[in-house]
C-alpha atoms as a PDB file:
ATOM      1  CA  UNK A   1      54.564 154.927 -16.732  1.00  0.00           C
ATOM      2  CA  UNK A   2      52.105 152.704 -17.318  1.00  0.00           C
ATOM      3  CA  UNK A   3      53.448 149.594 -16.409  1.00  0.00           C
ATOM      4  CA  UNK A   4      56.487 148.473 -14.170  1.00  0.00           C
ATOM      5  CA  UNK A   5      59.619 146.948 -15.744  1.00  0.00           C
ATOM      6  CA  UNK A   6      59.066 143.092 -16.238  1.00  0.00           C
ATOM      7  CA  UNK A   7      61.911 142.928 -14.295  1.00  0.00           C
ATOM      8  CA  UNK A   8      60.933 144.435 -11.126  1.00  0.00           C
ATOM      9  CA  UNK A   9      58.162 141.814 -10.852  1.00  0.00           C
ATOM     10  CA  UNK A  10      60.630 139.523 -10.261  1.00  0.00           C
ATOM     11  CA  UNK A  11      60.856 139.325  -7.200  1.00  0.00           C
ATOM     12  CA  UNK A  12      61.324 135.132  -6.375  1.00  0.00           C
ATOM     13  CA  UNK A  13      65.201 134.490  -5.099  1.00  0.00           C
ATOM     14  CA  UNK A  14      66.644 132.057  -7.333  1.00  0.00           C
ATOM     15  CA  UNK A  15      69.105 128.582  -6.632  1.00  0.00           C
ATOM     16  CA  UNK A  16      72.702 129.689  -6.690  1.00  0.00           C
ATOM     17  CA  UNK A  17      74.799 126.591  -7.786  1.00  0.00           C
ATOM     18  CA  UNK A  18      78.741 126.045  -7.332  1.00  0.00           C
ATOM     19  CA  UNK A  19      79.890 123.541 -10.146  1.00  0.00           C
ATOM     20  CA  UNK A  20      83.961 121.802 -10.334  1.00  0.00           C
ATOM     21  CA  UNK A  21      84.368 122.050 -14.026  1.00  0.00           C
ATOM     22  CA  UNK A  22      87.786 120.735 -13.563  1.00  0.00           C
ATOM     23  CA  UNK A  23      90.149 120.409 -10.411  1.00  0.00           C
ATOM     24  CA  UNK A  24      90.230 124.295  -9.193  1.00  0.00           C
ATOM     25  CA  UNK A  25      87.818 125.548 -11.791  1.00  0.00           C
ATOM     26  CA  UNK A  26      83.826 126.386 -10.798  1.00  0.00           C
ATOM     27  CA  UNK A  27      80.725 128.137 -11.936  1.00  0.00           C
ATOM     28  CA  UNK A  28      78.415 129.663  -9.810  1.00  0.00           C
ATOM     29  CA  UNK A  29      75.334 130.268 -11.969  1.00  0.00           C
ATOM     30  CA  UNK A  30      71.758 131.126  -9.714  1.00  0.00           C
ATOM     31  CA  UNK A  31      69.210 130.960 -12.506  1.00  0.00           C
ATOM     32  CA  UNK A  32      69.332 133.004 -15.305  1.00  0.00           C
ATOM     33  CA  UNK A  33      70.704 135.635 -12.803  1.00  0.00           C
ATOM     34  CA  UNK A  34      74.254 136.850 -13.408  1.00  0.00           C
ATOM     35  CA  UNK A  35      77.210 134.439 -13.606  1.00  0.00           C
ATOM     36  CA  UNK A  36      80.419 134.453 -11.721  1.00  0.00           C
ATOM     37  CA  UNK A  37      83.503 132.120 -12.061  1.00  0.00           C
ATOM     38  CA  UNK A  38      86.329 130.822  -9.950  1.00  0.00           C
ATOM     39  CA  UNK A  39      89.442 129.995 -10.611  1.00  0.00           C
ATOM     40  CA  UNK A  40      91.989 127.885  -8.344  1.00  0.00           C
ATOM     41  CA  UNK A  41      95.642 128.363  -8.959  1.00  0.00           C
ATOM     42  CA  UNK A  42      99.051 127.234  -7.025  1.00  0.00           C
ATOM     43  CA  UNK A  43      98.702 130.292  -4.465  1.00  0.00           C
ATOM     44  CA  UNK A  44      95.776 132.127  -5.226  1.00  0.00           C
ATOM     45  CA  UNK A  45      92.636 132.265  -6.851  1.00  0.00           C
ATOM     46  CA  UNK A  46      91.144 134.602  -9.930  1.00  0.00           C
ATOM     47  CA  UNK A  47      86.699 135.364  -9.606  1.00  0.00           C
ATOM     48  CA  UNK A  48      85.429 136.092 -13.161  1.00  0.00           C
ATOM     49  CA  UNK A  49      82.796 138.842 -12.669  1.00  0.00           C
ATOM     50  CA  UNK A  50      81.806 140.548  -9.342  1.00  0.00           C
ATOM     51  CA  UNK A  51      78.579 139.617  -8.396  1.00  0.00           C
ATOM     52  CA  UNK A  52      76.767 143.479  -7.976  1.00  0.00           C
ATOM     53  CA  UNK A  53      77.330 144.696  -4.804  1.00  0.00           C
ATOM     54  CA  UNK A  54      79.660 143.322  -1.911  1.00  0.00           C
ATOM     55  CA  UNK A  55      76.904 141.809   0.028  1.00  0.00           C
ATOM     56  CA  UNK A  56      76.129 139.105  -2.647  1.00  0.00           C
ATOM     57  CA  UNK A  57      79.862 138.852  -3.532  1.00  0.00           C
ATOM     58  CA  UNK A  58      79.896 137.847   0.467  1.00  0.00           C
ATOM     59  CA  UNK A  59      77.921 134.880  -1.420  1.00  0.00           C
ATOM     60  CA  UNK A  60      80.452 133.947  -3.504  1.00  0.00           C
ATOM     61  CA  UNK A  61      83.160 134.508  -1.377  1.00  0.00           C
ATOM     62  CA  UNK A  62      82.201 131.268   0.982  1.00  0.00           C
ATOM     63  CA  UNK A  63      81.914 129.775  -2.170  1.00  0.00           C
ATOM     64  CA  UNK A  64      84.818 129.508  -2.877  1.00  0.00           C
ATOM     65  CA  UNK A  65      86.224 128.831   1.364  1.00  0.00           C
ATOM     66  CA  UNK A  66      84.372 125.925   0.641  1.00  0.00           C
ATOM     67  CA  UNK A  67      87.121 124.726  -1.332  1.00  0.00           C
ATOM     68  CA  UNK A  68      90.251 127.405  -1.129  1.00  0.00           C
ATOM     69  CA  UNK A  69      91.981 129.206   1.554  1.00  0.00           C
ATOM     70  CA  UNK A  70      93.519 130.955  -1.040  1.00  0.00           C
ATOM     71  CA  UNK A  71      93.594 134.543  -1.326  1.00  0.00           C
ATOM     72  CA  UNK A  72      91.816 136.340  -4.201  1.00  0.00           C
ATOM     73  CA  UNK A  73      94.657 138.240  -6.000  1.00  0.00           C
ATOM     74  CA  UNK A  74      92.949 138.631  -9.285  1.00  0.00           C
ATOM     75  CA  UNK A  75      89.515 139.667 -10.129  1.00  0.00           C
ATOM     76  CA  UNK A  76      87.914 139.790 -14.281  1.00  0.00           C
ATOM     77  CA  UNK A  77      85.346 142.031 -15.446  1.00  0.00           C
ATOM     78  CA  UNK A  78      84.130 140.431 -18.595  1.00  0.00           C
ATOM     79  CA  UNK A  79      82.785 143.899 -19.351  1.00  0.00           C
ATOM     80  CA  UNK A  80      80.908 147.113 -17.553  1.00  0.00           C
ATOM     81  CA  UNK A  81      77.554 146.503 -16.494  1.00  0.00           C
ATOM     82  CA  UNK A  82      76.735 147.695 -12.869  1.00  0.00           C
ATOM     83  CA  UNK A  83      75.056 144.340 -12.320  1.00  0.00           C
ATOM     84  CA  UNK A  84      78.637 142.789 -13.285  1.00  0.00           C
ATOM     85  CA  UNK A  85      81.061 145.084 -11.467  1.00  0.00           C
ATOM     86  CA  UNK A  86      79.492 146.423  -8.465  1.00  0.00           C
ATOM     87  CA  UNK A  87      80.531 143.821  -5.837  1.00  0.00           C
ATOM     88  CA  UNK A  88      84.427 144.075  -6.200  1.00  0.00           C
ATOM     89  CA  UNK A  89      85.003 146.203  -3.733  1.00  0.00           C
ATOM     90  CA  UNK A  90      84.062 142.820  -1.195  1.00  0.00           C
ATOM     91  CA  UNK A  91      86.810 140.330  -2.757  1.00  0.00           C
ATOM     92  CA  UNK A  92      89.977 142.878  -1.682  1.00  0.00           C
ATOM     93  CA  UNK A  93      91.650 141.903  -4.897  1.00  0.00           C
ATOM     94  CA  UNK A  94      95.101 143.132  -6.455  1.00  0.00           C
ATOM     95  CA  UNK A  95      94.153 143.372  -9.582  1.00  0.00           C
ATOM     96  CA  UNK A  96      90.950 144.083 -11.233  1.00  0.00           C
ATOM     97  CA  UNK A  97      91.807 143.332 -14.664  1.00  0.00           C
ATOM     98  CA  UNK A  98      89.547 145.361 -17.525  1.00  0.00           C
ATOM     99  CA  UNK A  99      90.182 146.247 -21.587  1.00  0.00           C
ATOM    100  CA  UNK A 100      90.237 149.278 -22.198  1.00  0.00           C
ATOM    101  CA  UNK A 101      86.191 149.027 -23.796  1.00  0.00           C
ATOM    102  CA  UNK A 102      85.325 148.732 -20.308  1.00  0.00           C
ATOM    103  CA  UNK A 103      87.157 151.002 -18.739  1.00  0.00           C
ATOM    104  CA  UNK A 104      85.711 153.778 -21.481  1.00  0.00           C
ATOM    105  CA  UNK A 105      82.556 152.610 -20.526  1.00  0.00           C
ATOM    106  CA  UNK A 106      82.964 153.084 -16.962  1.00  0.00           C
ATOM    107  CA  UNK A 107      84.443 156.616 -17.500  1.00  0.00           C
ATOM    108  CA  UNK A 108      81.592 157.427 -19.874  1.00  0.00           C
ATOM    109  CA  UNK A 109      78.815 156.164 -18.656  1.00  0.00           C
ATOM    110  CA  UNK A 110      79.480 154.437 -15.481  1.00  0.00           C
ATOM    111  CA  UNK A 111      77.046 156.065 -12.627  1.00  0.00           C
ATOM    112  CA  UNK A 112      73.894 156.109 -15.299  1.00  0.00           C
ATOM    113  CA  UNK A 113      74.597 152.853 -15.385  1.00  0.00           C
ATOM    114  CA  UNK A 114      74.595 152.151 -12.448  1.00  0.00           C
ATOM    115  CA  UNK A 115      71.316 154.564 -11.850  1.00  0.00           C
ATOM    116  CA  UNK A 116      69.510 152.504 -14.435  1.00  0.00           C
ATOM    117  CA  UNK A 117      69.912 149.032 -13.529  1.00  0.00           C
ATOM    118  CA  UNK A 118      69.334 149.558  -9.651  1.00  0.00           C
ATOM    119  CA  UNK A 119      65.864 150.830 -11.196  1.00  0.00           C
ATOM    120  CA  UNK A 120      64.653 147.962 -13.478  1.00  0.00           C
ATOM    121  CA  UNK A 121      65.877 144.942 -11.638  1.00  0.00           C
ATOM    122  CA  UNK A 122      65.887 146.061  -8.061  1.00  0.00           C
ATOM    123  CA  UNK A 123      66.289 142.130  -6.750  1.00  0.00           C
ATOM    124  CA  UNK A 124      69.971 141.390  -8.089  1.00  0.00           C
ATOM    125  CA  UNK A 125      70.690 144.605  -5.733  1.00  0.00           C
ATOM    126  CA  UNK A 126      70.425 142.895  -2.924  1.00  0.00           C
ATOM    127  CA  UNK A 127      71.964 145.804  -0.281  1.00  0.00           C
ATOM    128  CA  UNK A 128      72.978 148.472  -2.557  1.00  0.00           C
ATOM    129  CA  UNK A 129      73.860 150.441  -0.095  1.00  0.00           C
ATOM    130  CA  UNK A 130      77.044 148.303   0.862  1.00  0.00           C
ATOM    131  CA  UNK A 131      78.009 149.453  -3.061  1.00  0.00           C
ATOM    132  CA  UNK A 132      80.996 151.237  -2.227  1.00  0.00           C
ATOM    133  CA  UNK A 133      80.723 153.214  -5.544  1.00  0.00           C
ATOM    134  CA  UNK A 134      81.785 152.534  -9.020  1.00  0.00           C
ATOM    135  CA  UNK A 135      84.141 149.650 -10.069  1.00  0.00           C
ATOM    136  CA  UNK A 136      87.859 151.059 -11.659  1.00  0.00           C
ATOM    137  CA  UNK A 137      89.661 148.730 -13.089  1.00  0.00           C
ATOM    138  CA  UNK A 138      93.396 148.327 -11.412  1.00  0.00           C
ATOM    139  CA  UNK A 139      95.432 146.237 -14.206  1.00  0.00           C
ATOM    140  CA  UNK A 140      94.017 148.097 -18.493  1.00  0.00           C
ATOM    141  CA  UNK A 141      94.665 145.626 -21.714  1.00  0.00           C
ATOM    142  CA  UNK A 142      93.949 146.120 -25.314  1.00  0.00           C
ATOM    143  CA  UNK A 143      94.315 142.623 -26.965  1.00  0.00           C
ATOM    144  CA  UNK A 144      94.879 140.451 -24.513  1.00  0.00           C
ATOM    145  CA  UNK A 145      97.253 139.413 -21.624  1.00  0.00           C
ATOM    146  CA  UNK A 146      98.629 135.645 -19.823  1.00  0.00           C
ATOM    147  CA  UNK A 147      98.328 135.558 -16.313  1.00  0.00           C
ATOM    148  CA  UNK A 148      99.971 132.730 -14.196  1.00  0.00           C
ATOM    149  CA  UNK A 149      98.494 131.471 -11.290  1.00  0.00           C
ATOM    150  CA  UNK A 150     101.389 129.332 -10.817  1.00  0.00           C
ATOM    151  CA  UNK A 151     100.853 126.892 -13.315  1.00  0.00           C
ATOM    152  CA  UNK A 152      97.934 127.454 -14.513  1.00  0.00           C
ATOM    153  CA  UNK A 153      97.841 129.778 -17.570  1.00  0.00           C
ATOM    154  CA  UNK A 154      94.904 131.285 -17.960  1.00  0.00           C
ATOM    155  CA  UNK A 155      94.101 133.733 -20.848  1.00  0.00           C
ATOM    156  CA  UNK A 156      91.594 137.146 -20.918  1.00  0.00           C
ATOM    157  CA  UNK A 157      91.055 138.141 -24.306  1.00  0.00           C
ATOM    158  CA  UNK A 158      89.162 140.934 -26.511  1.00  0.00           C
ATOM    159  CA  UNK A 159      88.675 139.341 -29.190  1.00  0.00           C
ATOM    160  CA  UNK A 160      85.842 142.278 -31.012  1.00  0.00           C
ATOM    161  CA  UNK A 161      82.563 143.451 -29.826  1.00  0.00           C
ATOM    162  CA  UNK A 162      79.268 142.363 -29.011  1.00  0.00           C
ATOM    163  CA  UNK A 163      76.855 143.099 -26.132  1.00  0.00           C
ATOM    164  CA  UNK A 164      79.437 146.117 -24.975  1.00  0.00           C
ATOM    165  CA  UNK A 165      82.532 147.595 -26.982  1.00  0.00           C
ATOM    166  CA  UNK A 166      84.968 146.427 -24.358  1.00  0.00           C
ATOM    167  CA  UNK A 167      83.295 142.419 -24.072  1.00  0.00           C
ATOM    168  CA  UNK A 168      86.137 140.257 -21.904  1.00  0.00           C
ATOM    169  CA  UNK A 169      86.816 136.387 -22.280  1.00  0.00           C
ATOM    170  CA  UNK A 170      89.251 133.471 -19.793  1.00  0.00           C
ATOM    171  CA  UNK A 171      89.939 131.063 -21.204  1.00  0.00           C
ATOM    172  CA  UNK A 172      91.376 128.027 -19.864  1.00  0.00           C
ATOM    173  CA  UNK A 173      93.837 126.269 -22.301  1.00  0.00           C
ATOM    174  CA  UNK A 174      94.316 123.510 -20.855  1.00  0.00           C
ATOM    175  CA  UNK A 175      91.412 122.562 -19.614  1.00  0.00           C
ATOM    176  CA  UNK A 176      89.419 124.345 -22.525  1.00  0.00           C
ATOM    177  CA  UNK A 177      87.170 125.803 -20.129  1.00  0.00           C
ATOM    178  CA  UNK A 178      85.552 129.132 -21.692  1.00  0.00           C
ATOM    179  CA  UNK A 179      83.891 131.940 -19.372  1.00  0.00           C
ATOM    180  CA  UNK A 180      82.059 134.214 -22.201  1.00  0.00           C
ATOM    181  CA  UNK A 181      80.376 137.342 -19.938  1.00  0.00           C
ATOM    182  CA  UNK A 182      77.060 138.272 -21.738  1.00  0.00           C
ATOM    183  CA  UNK A 183      79.087 137.070 -25.542  1.00  0.00           C
ATOM    184  CA  UNK A 184      76.744 133.826 -24.740  1.00  0.00           C
ATOM    185  CA  UNK A 185      73.770 133.244 -23.075  1.00  0.00           C
ATOM    186  CA  UNK A 186      71.997 129.661 -22.633  1.00  0.00           C
ATOM    187  CA  UNK A 187      68.072 129.794 -21.785  1.00  0.00           C
ATOM    188  CA  UNK A 188      68.586 133.575 -21.010  1.00  0.00           C
ATOM    189  CA  UNK A 189      67.751 135.711 -23.594  1.00  0.00           C
ATOM    190  CA  UNK A 190      70.907 138.168 -24.371  1.00  0.00           C
ATOM    191  CA  UNK A 191      70.687 141.232 -23.779  1.00  0.00           C
ATOM    192  CA  UNK A 192      71.305 144.141 -26.334  1.00  0.00           C
ATOM    193  CA  UNK A 193      70.883 147.588 -25.035  1.00  0.00           C
ATOM    194  CA  UNK A 194      74.851 149.206 -25.253  1.00  0.00           C
ATOM    195  CA  UNK A 195      74.971 146.565 -28.328  1.00  0.00           C
ATOM    196  CA  UNK A 196      76.797 146.337 -31.274  1.00  0.00           C
ATOM    197  CA  UNK A 197      74.699 144.313 -33.494  1.00  0.00           C
ATOM    198  CA  UNK A 198      76.839 143.720 -36.107  1.00  0.00           C
ATOM    199  CA  UNK A 199      79.779 143.153 -35.096  1.00  0.00           C
ATOM    200  CA  UNK A 200      78.462 140.455 -32.111  1.00  0.00           C
ATOM    201  CA  UNK A 201      78.024 137.702 -34.693  1.00  0.00           C
ATOM    202  CA  UNK A 202      82.040 138.067 -36.362  1.00  0.00           C
ATOM    203  CA  UNK A 203      82.859 138.162 -31.909  1.00  0.00           C
ATOM    204  CA  UNK A 204      80.518 134.745 -32.066  1.00  0.00           C
ATOM    205  CA  UNK A 205      83.115 133.899 -34.466  1.00  0.00           C
ATOM    206  CA  UNK A 206      86.468 134.239 -33.300  1.00  0.00           C
ATOM    207  CA  UNK A 207      85.047 132.714 -30.271  1.00  0.00           C
ATOM    208  CA  UNK A 208      83.976 129.349 -31.250  1.00  0.00           C
ATOM    209  CA  UNK A 209      87.506 129.351 -32.749  1.00  0.00           C
ATOM    210  CA  UNK A 210      88.887 128.622 -29.312  1.00  0.00           C
ATOM    211  CA  UNK A 211      86.704 125.026 -29.144  1.00  0.00           C
ATOM    212  CA  UNK A 212      85.612 125.004 -26.144  1.00  0.00           C
ATOM    213  CA  UNK A 213      85.037 122.006 -24.508  1.00  0.00           C
ATOM    214  CA  UNK A 214      83.130 123.600 -21.237  1.00  0.00           C
ATOM    215  CA  UNK A 215      81.909 126.934 -20.526  1.00  0.00           C
ATOM    216  CA  UNK A 216      80.281 129.023 -18.216  1.00  0.00           C
ATOM    217  CA  UNK A 217      77.656 131.530 -20.493  1.00  0.00           C
ATOM    218  CA  UNK A 218      77.245 134.886 -18.858  1.00  0.00           C
ATOM    219  CA  UNK A 219      73.416 133.661 -17.717  1.00  0.00           C
ATOM    220  CA  UNK A 220      71.871 130.079 -17.300  1.00  0.00           C
ATOM    221  CA  UNK A 221      73.555 126.631 -16.877  1.00  0.00           C
ATOM    222  CA  UNK A 222      77.184 125.739 -17.650  1.00  0.00           C
ATOM    223  CA  UNK A 223      77.606 123.724 -20.852  1.00  0.00           C
ATOM    224  CA  UNK A 224      79.534 120.221 -19.875  1.00  0.00           C
ATOM    225  CA  UNK A 225      80.737 119.535 -23.309  1.00  0.00           C
ATOM    226  CA  UNK A 226      81.818 120.766 -27.152  1.00  0.00           C
ATOM    227  CA  UNK A 227      78.286 119.786 -28.180  1.00  0.00           C
ATOM    228  CA  UNK A 228      76.860 121.763 -25.864  1.00  0.00           C
ATOM    229  CA  UNK A 229      78.637 125.014 -25.994  1.00  0.00           C
ATOM    230  CA  UNK A 230      78.144 125.472 -29.844  1.00  0.00           C
ATOM    231  CA  UNK A 231      74.605 124.801 -28.547  1.00  0.00           C
ATOM    232  CA  UNK A 232      74.977 128.062 -26.298  1.00  0.00           C
ATOM    233  CA  UNK A 233      76.810 129.678 -29.392  1.00  0.00           C
ATOM    234  CA  UNK A 234      74.527 128.556 -31.849  1.00  0.00           C
ATOM    235  CA  UNK A 235      71.281 129.756 -29.769  1.00  0.00           C
ATOM    236  CA  UNK A 236      72.653 133.339 -28.769  1.00  0.00           C
ATOM    237  CA  UNK A 237      73.619 134.147 -32.614  1.00  0.00           C
ATOM    238  CA  UNK A 238      70.206 132.697 -33.421  1.00  0.00           C
ATOM    239  CA  UNK A 239      68.604 135.420 -31.629  1.00  0.00           C
ATOM    240  CA  UNK A 240      70.921 138.282 -32.348  1.00  0.00           C
ATOM    241  CA  UNK A 241      70.333 137.848 -36.033  1.00  0.00           C
ATOM    242  CA  UNK A 242      66.839 136.929 -35.950  1.00  0.00           C
ATOM    243  CA  UNK A 243      66.394 140.107 -34.046  1.00  0.00           C
ATOM    244  CA  UNK A 244      68.245 142.835 -36.174  1.00  0.00           C
ATOM    245  CA  UNK A 245      67.083 141.262 -39.240  1.00  0.00           C
ATOM    246  CA  UNK A 246      63.413 141.995 -38.430  1.00  0.00           C
ATOM    247  CA  UNK A 247      64.274 145.570 -37.178  1.00  0.00           C
ATOM    248  CA  UNK A 248      65.961 146.098 -39.680  1.00  0.00           C
ATOM    249  CA  UNK A 249      63.415 145.214 -42.047  1.00  0.00           C
ATOM    250  CA  UNK A 250      60.543 146.874 -40.751  1.00  0.00           C
ATOM    251  CA  UNK A 251      62.377 149.742 -40.045  1.00  0.00           C
ATOM    252  CA  UNK A 252      62.781 150.194 -43.822  1.00  0.00           C
ATOM    253  CA  UNK A 253      59.691 149.789 -45.048  1.00  0.00           C
ATOM    254  CA  UNK A 254      58.597 152.943 -42.910  1.00  0.00           C
ATOM    255  CA  UNK A 255      57.380 151.275 -39.229  1.00  0.00           C
ATOM    256  CA  UNK A 256      57.858 153.699 -36.026  1.00  0.00           C
ATOM    257  CA  UNK A 257      60.180 151.987 -33.291  1.00  0.00           C
ATOM    258  CA  UNK A 258      56.956 151.264 -31.517  1.00  0.00           C
ATOM    259  CA  UNK A 259      55.201 149.815 -34.313  1.00  0.00           C
ATOM    260  CA  UNK A 260      58.042 147.641 -35.518  1.00  0.00           C
ATOM    261  CA  UNK A 261      58.706 146.796 -31.425  1.00  0.00           C
ATOM    262  CA  UNK A 262      55.434 145.298 -31.735  1.00  0.00           C
ATOM    263  CA  UNK A 263      56.039 143.100 -34.969  1.00  0.00           C
ATOM    264  CA  UNK A 264      59.397 141.675 -33.881  1.00  0.00           C
ATOM    265  CA  UNK A 265      57.746 141.000 -30.624  1.00  0.00           C
ATOM    266  CA  UNK A 266      55.503 139.133 -31.819  1.00  0.00           C
ATOM    267  CA  UNK A 267      57.558 137.269 -34.558  1.00  0.00           C
ATOM    268  CA  UNK A 268      60.172 136.614 -31.859  1.00  0.00           C
ATOM    269  CA  UNK A 269      58.245 135.132 -28.678  1.00  0.00           C
ATOM    270  CA  UNK A 270      57.340 131.894 -29.944  1.00  0.00           C
ATOM    271  CA  UNK A 271      60.790 130.558 -30.491  1.00  0.00           C
ATOM    272  CA  UNK A 272      62.967 132.633 -27.885  1.00  0.00           C
ATOM    273  CA  UNK A 273      59.671 133.498 -24.734  1.00  0.00           C
ATOM    274  CA  UNK A 274      60.877 131.117 -22.846  1.00  0.00           C
ATOM    275  CA  UNK A 275      64.116 132.317 -21.891  1.00  0.00           C
ATOM    276  CA  UNK A 276      65.402 134.383 -19.153  1.00  0.00           C
ATOM    277  CA  UNK A 277      64.536 137.759 -19.106  1.00  0.00           C
ATOM    278  CA  UNK A 278      62.685 138.350 -22.478  1.00  0.00           C
ATOM    279  CA  UNK A 279      60.075 140.117 -21.727  1.00  0.00           C
ATOM    280  CA  UNK A 280      62.515 142.559 -19.842  1.00  0.00           C
ATOM    281  CA  UNK A 281      65.278 142.608 -22.668  1.00  0.00           C
ATOM    282  CA  UNK A 282      63.407 143.426 -25.825  1.00  0.00           C
ATOM    283  CA  UNK A 283      62.158 146.430 -25.355  1.00  0.00           C
ATOM    284  CA  UNK A 284      66.010 147.589 -25.516  1.00  0.00           C
ATOM    285  CA  UNK A 285      66.872 145.567 -27.636  1.00  0.00           C
ATOM    286  CA  UNK A 286      64.188 146.580 -30.703  1.00  0.00           C
ATOM    287  CA  UNK A 287      65.612 150.281 -29.529  1.00  0.00           C
ATOM    288  CA  UNK A 288      69.350 149.348 -29.329  1.00  0.00           C
ATOM    289  CA  UNK A 289      68.897 147.253 -33.003  1.00  0.00           C
ATOM    290  CA  UNK A 290      66.410 150.433 -34.500  1.00  0.00           C
ATOM    291  CA  UNK A 291      69.345 152.582 -34.003  1.00  0.00           C
ATOM    292  CA  UNK A 292      72.197 150.218 -35.355  1.00  0.00           C
ATOM    293  CA  UNK A 293      70.308 150.186 -38.631  1.00  0.00           C
ATOM    294  CA  UNK A 294      69.889 153.816 -38.131  1.00  0.00           C
ATOM    295  CA  UNK A 295      72.025 157.074 -37.403  1.00  0.00           C
ATOM    296  CA  UNK A 296      73.180 155.609 -34.200  1.00  0.00           C
ATOM    297  CA  UNK A 297      76.035 153.303 -35.021  1.00  0.00           C
ATOM    298  CA  UNK A 298      77.186 154.099 -31.075  1.00  0.00           C
ATOM    299  CA  UNK A 299      74.770 152.976 -27.903  1.00  0.00           C
ATOM    300  CA  UNK A 300      73.264 155.546 -26.568  1.00  0.00           C
ATOM    301  CA  UNK A 301      73.718 155.895 -23.002  1.00  0.00           C
ATOM    302  CA  UNK A 302      70.656 154.193 -20.777  1.00  0.00           C
ATOM    303  CA  UNK A 303      69.831 156.961 -17.885  1.00  0.00           C
ATOM    304  CA  UNK A 304      67.250 156.207 -15.694  1.00  0.00           C
ATOM    305  CA  UNK A 305      64.461 158.948 -18.020  1.00  0.00           C
ATOM    306  CA  UNK A 306      65.171 157.076 -21.014  1.00  0.00           C
ATOM    307  CA  UNK A 307      64.279 153.672 -19.797  1.00  0.00           C
ATOM    308  CA  UNK A 308      60.780 154.636 -18.247  1.00  0.00           C
ATOM    309  CA  UNK A 309      60.226 157.068 -21.527  1.00  0.00           C
ATOM    310  CA  UNK A 310      60.808 154.108 -23.724  1.00  0.00           C
ATOM    311  CA  UNK A 311      59.633 151.808 -21.665  1.00  0.00           C
ATOM    312  CA  UNK A 312      56.152 153.625 -21.764  1.00  0.00           C
ATOM    313  CA  UNK A 313      56.309 154.664 -25.627  1.00  0.00           C
ATOM    314  CA  UNK A 314      56.695 150.815 -26.323  1.00  0.00           C
ATOM    315  CA  UNK A 315      54.447 149.077 -23.149  1.00  0.00           C
ATOM    316  CA  UNK A 316      51.152 151.574 -23.048  1.00  0.00           C
ATOM    317  CA  UNK A 317      49.526 150.177 -25.335  1.00  0.00           C
END
C-alpha cells in the first residue's frame, strides 16, 4: 500500500468528557471519537452506544458509577458499525435494542465490518482481544418504541435511512434532548461509506422536526442550545450535499473514480478539511457517492481487502 490509512497515524489519546445535559442525562464525548450517552431512570440506566471494546466500555461504566449505582438494563445501538457496538458485553444489559435494519446489517456484514474497521482505525479498538464476538440485539424494532425508565419516557425511533439503513435516534421528549448517532456530526466529518446519500437529507429533515434543544452527535461536542443543534444539523446536511453533488456531476462528465476523488477532495478540503477524520473518511465517502450515483444504490460490503485496494487506488497519486 502506497500510504497507510490516514487514521493509522492517529495515535494520540483523546480527553474524555462526561457532561450533564439534564437531571440524569449525560453525554460521553472524546474530542471527535465516537460518543455515547447515559440516561438514568428511576430504577435503572440506559446507555446509548456501547463503545468499540469491553475495555473501552468499562471506562464509560466507571463514569456512570460516579453518578449512580443503578443497574444498566438497556443498551441502545444507534446503528451498526463495529466501533459503536462491540463493547456491549461489558454492560451485561438485559435488553440490547436495535432497529431491524441494524440487525440485518450485523447478519449480512458484521464480521467483515469488524475486520475492516479494526484495520482502518486501530486506536479506537483498545484491547480488541477483550471482544467476545459480534454484538447481537435482543430486542429488534421497526418504526420505533417507547421505553419507560420508571417515570422517564424514552422514545427510540428509526426515521429513515442515512448514515446506514438502520439509523436509530434516542429522544427524550420531556427534556428535549436528542442522541442522534452518526446521522448528525459536529466538527467531525460524516462517514458515508455505508450511507444512502439521497435519503440522508430527508431523514435529517424529519429529525429537525423534533425540535431538539440539546443534541449529542455521533462525534463532536454535545450541543446545548437550539441554535447549536441547528448548526450541527445544517453543517452535516451541507457536507452531504456538497459531497454527493460534486461526485455526481464529476461522474456524469465521464471521469474515473480517481479523477473524481481528486476533484472533490480539492473542492471540499478548504471548507471541511479542519473537521476531525476528514482525510480518513473522504476516500470511502467519494467511493460510496460514486457507487450510489451509478449502478450501486445499495452500499457494497467493505472488507479489509477492499479497503486496501480502494485506498491504494485513490491515494497512490
